[in-house]
C-alpha cells in the first residue's frame, strides 16, 4: 500500500509524475497552489500522511490544528520557513 501525499503546490511535470508513482497523491487541481482550506479538505479525504507545499501556504497554529491526525510530515519547498508557525511543545513528564 502506497503512502498518501497531498502535493499542495504547482511543480514540474517530472516531480508530479514521481510523486504519483511513489505515493497515492492528491495534486492541486487549479491553476495555482492549494489554499489552506483546500489542503485541510484534501488531507482529510485522503487521510494523507504527508503534505508537500511551498511558501504560498501559510501554516499557522489554527491550520495545523485543523489537519487530520493522519498527517505526520509537512515538507516545504522554499527558502526559509517563516510561513510555518511554531507550535508550543507539550510539557514533558
N, C-alpha and C. Protein backbone atom coordinates (compact mmCIF):
# COMPACT_ATOMS: atom_id res chain seq x y z
N UNK A 1 0.84 -1.18 0.00
CA UNK A 1 0.00 0.00 0.00
C UNK A 1 0.89 1.25 0.00
N UNK A 2 0.60 2.16 -0.92
CA UNK A 2 1.39 3.38 -1.01
C UNK A 2 1.01 4.36 0.09
N UNK A 3 1.99 5.13 0.55
CA UNK A 3 1.74 6.23 1.49
C UNK A 3 0.94 7.30 0.77
N UNK A 4 0.20 8.09 1.54
CA UNK A 4 -0.68 9.10 0.95
C UNK A 4 -0.09 10.50 1.12
N UNK A 5 -0.08 11.26 0.03
CA UNK A 5 0.56 12.58 -0.04
C UNK A 5 -0.38 13.59 -0.66
N UNK A 6 -0.40 14.80 -0.09
CA UNK A 6 -1.04 15.93 -0.73
C UNK A 6 0.07 16.81 -1.27
N UNK A 7 0.14 16.94 -2.58
CA UNK A 7 1.12 17.81 -3.24
C UNK A 7 0.39 19.12 -3.49
N UNK A 8 0.54 20.05 -2.56
CA UNK A 8 -0.29 21.25 -2.50
C UNK A 8 0.21 22.41 -3.35
N UNK A 9 1.30 22.23 -4.06
CA UNK A 9 1.85 23.32 -4.85
C UNK A 9 2.13 22.87 -6.28
N UNK A 10 2.12 23.85 -7.15
CA UNK A 10 2.50 23.56 -8.53
C UNK A 10 3.97 23.17 -8.57
N UNK A 11 4.30 22.25 -9.42
CA UNK A 11 5.68 21.80 -9.53
C UNK A 11 5.91 21.32 -10.95
N UNK A 12 7.09 20.84 -11.20
CA UNK A 12 7.40 20.37 -12.55
C UNK A 12 6.65 19.07 -12.85
N UNK A 13 6.50 18.78 -14.11
CA UNK A 13 5.84 17.55 -14.54
C UNK A 13 6.57 16.33 -14.01
N UNK A 14 7.90 16.38 -14.01
CA UNK A 14 8.69 15.24 -13.53
C UNK A 14 8.47 15.00 -12.04
N UNK A 15 8.44 16.06 -11.24
CA UNK A 15 8.23 15.91 -9.79
C UNK A 15 6.82 15.36 -9.53
N UNK A 16 5.83 15.91 -10.22
CA UNK A 16 4.46 15.42 -10.04
C UNK A 16 4.34 13.95 -10.45
N UNK A 17 4.98 13.57 -11.55
CA UNK A 17 4.94 12.18 -12.00
C UNK A 17 5.59 11.25 -10.99
N UNK A 18 6.73 11.67 -10.46
CA UNK A 18 7.40 10.82 -9.47
C UNK A 18 6.57 10.71 -8.19
N UNK A 19 5.96 11.81 -7.78
CA UNK A 19 5.10 11.76 -6.59
C UNK A 19 3.95 10.79 -6.80
N UNK A 20 3.37 10.81 -7.99
CA UNK A 20 2.25 9.90 -8.30
C UNK A 20 2.72 8.45 -8.40
N UNK A 21 3.96 8.23 -8.85
CA UNK A 21 4.50 6.87 -8.93
C UNK A 21 4.77 6.29 -7.55
N UNK A 22 5.30 7.12 -6.66
CA UNK A 22 5.77 6.63 -5.37
C UNK A 22 4.75 6.75 -4.24
N UNK A 23 3.73 7.60 -4.43
CA UNK A 23 2.74 7.84 -3.39
C UNK A 23 1.34 7.80 -4.00
N UNK A 24 0.36 7.62 -3.15
CA UNK A 24 -1.03 7.82 -3.53
C UNK A 24 -1.24 9.33 -3.36
N UNK A 25 -1.18 10.08 -4.46
CA UNK A 25 -1.03 11.53 -4.41
C UNK A 25 -2.28 12.27 -4.84
N UNK A 26 -2.60 13.33 -4.09
CA UNK A 26 -3.60 14.31 -4.49
C UNK A 26 -2.82 15.52 -4.96
N UNK A 27 -3.07 15.93 -6.22
CA UNK A 27 -2.39 17.09 -6.80
C UNK A 27 -3.32 18.29 -6.77
N UNK A 28 -2.74 19.49 -6.73
CA UNK A 28 -3.55 20.70 -6.86
C UNK A 28 -4.29 20.66 -8.18
N UNK A 29 -5.57 20.96 -8.16
CA UNK A 29 -6.38 20.84 -9.35
C UNK A 29 -6.59 22.15 -10.10
N UNK A 30 -6.10 23.22 -9.54
CA UNK A 30 -6.34 24.52 -10.16
C UNK A 30 -5.11 25.08 -10.83
N UNK A 31 -5.20 26.33 -11.22
CA UNK A 31 -4.07 26.97 -11.89
C UNK A 31 -2.99 27.45 -10.91
N UNK A 32 -3.25 27.29 -9.61
CA UNK A 32 -2.28 27.74 -8.60
C UNK A 32 -2.17 26.73 -7.48
N UNK A 33 -1.40 27.12 -6.47
CA UNK A 33 -1.22 26.27 -5.30
C UNK A 33 -2.53 26.16 -4.51
N UNK A 34 -2.66 25.09 -3.73
CA UNK A 34 -3.84 24.91 -2.89
C UNK A 34 -3.86 25.95 -1.78
N UNK A 35 -5.07 26.29 -1.36
CA UNK A 35 -5.26 27.17 -0.21
C UNK A 35 -5.27 26.32 1.06
N UNK A 36 -5.22 26.97 2.20
CA UNK A 36 -5.27 26.23 3.46
C UNK A 36 -6.54 25.38 3.55
N UNK A 37 -7.74 25.93 3.28
CA UNK A 37 -8.94 25.07 3.35
C UNK A 37 -8.89 23.89 2.37
N UNK A 38 -8.32 24.11 1.19
CA UNK A 38 -8.21 23.01 0.22
C UNK A 38 -7.26 21.92 0.72
N UNK A 39 -6.16 22.32 1.34
CA UNK A 39 -5.20 21.34 1.87
C UNK A 39 -5.84 20.55 3.01
N UNK A 40 -6.52 21.24 3.90
CA UNK A 40 -7.17 20.56 5.03
C UNK A 40 -8.19 19.56 4.52
N UNK A 41 -9.00 19.97 3.55
CA UNK A 41 -10.03 19.10 2.98
C UNK A 41 -9.40 17.89 2.27
N UNK A 42 -8.38 18.15 1.44
CA UNK A 42 -7.72 17.06 0.70
C UNK A 42 -7.05 16.08 1.66
N UNK A 43 -6.39 16.60 2.69
CA UNK A 43 -5.72 15.72 3.65
C UNK A 43 -6.73 14.87 4.42
N UNK A 44 -7.88 15.44 4.73
CA UNK A 44 -8.91 14.70 5.46
C UNK A 44 -9.53 13.61 4.58
N UNK A 45 -9.88 13.96 3.36
CA UNK A 45 -10.49 12.98 2.45
C UNK A 45 -9.51 11.86 2.13
N UNK A 46 -8.26 12.22 1.89
CA UNK A 46 -7.22 11.26 1.50
C UNK A 46 -6.65 10.52 2.70
N UNK A 47 -6.87 11.07 3.90
CA UNK A 47 -6.20 10.59 5.11
C UNK A 47 -4.69 10.57 4.86
N UNK A 48 -4.22 11.69 4.32
CA UNK A 48 -2.82 11.84 3.92
C UNK A 48 -1.89 11.79 5.12
N UNK A 49 -0.73 11.25 4.87
CA UNK A 49 0.30 11.18 5.90
C UNK A 49 1.32 12.30 5.75
N UNK A 50 1.35 12.92 4.57
CA UNK A 50 2.32 13.98 4.31
C UNK A 50 1.73 15.05 3.40
N UNK A 51 2.25 16.26 3.57
CA UNK A 51 1.87 17.39 2.72
C UNK A 51 3.16 18.02 2.22
N UNK A 52 3.24 18.23 0.93
CA UNK A 52 4.36 18.91 0.30
C UNK A 52 3.84 20.25 -0.20
N UNK A 53 4.45 21.35 0.26
CA UNK A 53 3.93 22.67 -0.04
C UNK A 53 5.07 23.67 -0.19
N UNK A 54 4.71 24.91 -0.45
CA UNK A 54 5.70 25.97 -0.59
C UNK A 54 5.26 27.17 0.24
N UNK A 55 5.97 28.28 0.11
CA UNK A 55 5.70 29.44 0.96
C UNK A 55 4.37 30.13 0.68
N UNK A 56 3.62 29.68 -0.32
CA UNK A 56 2.30 30.25 -0.57
C UNK A 56 1.25 29.68 0.37
N UNK A 57 1.60 28.68 1.15
CA UNK A 57 0.67 28.06 2.11
C UNK A 57 1.08 28.46 3.52
N UNK A 58 0.41 29.45 4.10
CA UNK A 58 0.75 29.86 5.46
C UNK A 58 0.16 28.89 6.49
N UNK A 59 1.00 28.11 7.10
CA UNK A 59 0.53 27.15 8.10
C UNK A 59 0.68 27.75 9.48
N UNK A 60 -0.41 28.33 9.95
CA UNK A 60 -0.41 28.85 11.31
C UNK A 60 -0.95 27.76 12.24
N UNK A 61 -1.01 28.08 13.52
CA UNK A 61 -1.44 27.09 14.51
C UNK A 61 -2.85 26.58 14.23
N UNK A 62 -3.75 27.47 13.81
CA UNK A 62 -5.12 27.06 13.54
C UNK A 62 -5.18 26.08 12.36
N UNK A 63 -4.39 26.35 11.33
CA UNK A 63 -4.37 25.45 10.17
C UNK A 63 -3.80 24.09 10.55
N UNK A 64 -2.71 24.10 11.31
CA UNK A 64 -2.10 22.81 11.71
C UNK A 64 -3.03 22.01 12.61
N UNK A 65 -3.74 22.70 13.49
CA UNK A 65 -4.69 22.02 14.37
C UNK A 65 -5.85 21.42 13.59
N UNK A 66 -6.22 22.06 12.47
CA UNK A 66 -7.34 21.58 11.65
C UNK A 66 -6.97 20.39 10.77
N UNK A 67 -5.68 20.13 10.59
CA UNK A 67 -5.26 18.98 9.78
C UNK A 67 -5.66 17.68 10.47
N UNK A 68 -5.98 16.65 9.71
CA UNK A 68 -6.33 15.37 10.35
C UNK A 68 -5.12 14.76 11.04
N UNK A 69 -5.38 13.90 12.00
CA UNK A 69 -4.31 13.25 12.75
C UNK A 69 -3.43 12.35 11.92
N UNK A 70 -3.86 12.01 10.73
CA UNK A 70 -3.05 11.16 9.85
C UNK A 70 -1.80 11.87 9.34
N UNK A 71 -1.82 13.21 9.31
CA UNK A 71 -0.69 13.97 8.77
C UNK A 71 0.45 13.94 9.79
N UNK A 72 1.58 13.40 9.36
CA UNK A 72 2.75 13.28 10.22
C UNK A 72 3.93 14.11 9.71
N UNK A 73 3.90 14.46 8.42
CA UNK A 73 5.03 15.17 7.82
C UNK A 73 4.51 16.34 7.01
N UNK A 74 5.13 17.48 7.21
CA UNK A 74 4.91 18.65 6.37
C UNK A 74 6.26 19.05 5.81
N UNK A 75 6.39 19.04 4.50
CA UNK A 75 7.67 19.37 3.87
C UNK A 75 7.47 20.59 2.97
N UNK A 76 8.34 21.57 3.12
CA UNK A 76 8.22 22.77 2.33
C UNK A 76 9.33 22.86 1.29
N UNK A 77 8.95 23.30 0.10
CA UNK A 77 9.91 23.54 -0.98
C UNK A 77 10.09 25.06 -1.00
N UNK A 78 10.97 25.56 -0.19
CA UNK A 78 11.13 27.01 -0.11
C UNK A 78 12.45 27.34 0.56
N UNK A 79 12.78 28.60 0.46
CA UNK A 79 13.92 29.12 1.20
C UNK A 79 13.33 29.73 2.47
N UNK A 80 13.69 29.18 3.59
CA UNK A 80 13.14 29.66 4.85
C UNK A 80 11.88 28.94 5.24
N UNK A 81 11.38 29.29 6.41
CA UNK A 81 10.18 28.64 6.94
C UNK A 81 9.32 29.63 7.72
N UNK A 82 9.40 30.91 7.37
CA UNK A 82 8.62 31.91 8.09
C UNK A 82 7.12 31.79 7.81
N UNK A 83 6.71 30.97 6.87
CA UNK A 83 5.30 30.74 6.59
C UNK A 83 4.73 29.60 7.44
N UNK A 84 5.56 29.05 8.33
CA UNK A 84 5.14 27.95 9.20
C UNK A 84 5.28 28.41 10.64
N UNK A 85 4.17 28.44 11.35
CA UNK A 85 4.17 28.89 12.74
C UNK A 85 4.63 27.75 13.65
N UNK A 86 5.44 28.07 14.62
CA UNK A 86 5.87 27.06 15.59
C UNK A 86 4.74 26.79 16.57
N UNK A 87 4.56 25.53 16.86
CA UNK A 87 3.58 25.16 17.88
C UNK A 87 4.29 24.95 19.20
N UNK A 88 3.64 25.31 20.30
CA UNK A 88 4.28 25.07 21.60
C UNK A 88 4.42 23.57 21.85
N UNK A 89 5.50 23.21 22.46
CA UNK A 89 5.72 21.79 22.78
C UNK A 89 4.92 21.41 24.02
N UNK A 90 4.47 20.18 24.01
CA UNK A 90 3.74 19.67 25.18
C UNK A 90 4.73 19.48 26.33
N UNK A 91 4.29 19.74 27.54
CA UNK A 91 5.18 19.55 28.68
C UNK A 91 5.65 18.10 28.79
N UNK A 92 6.87 17.92 29.18
CA UNK A 92 7.44 16.58 29.33
C UNK A 92 7.29 16.17 30.79
N UNK A 93 6.88 14.92 30.97
CA UNK A 93 6.85 14.39 32.31
C UNK A 93 5.54 14.34 32.87
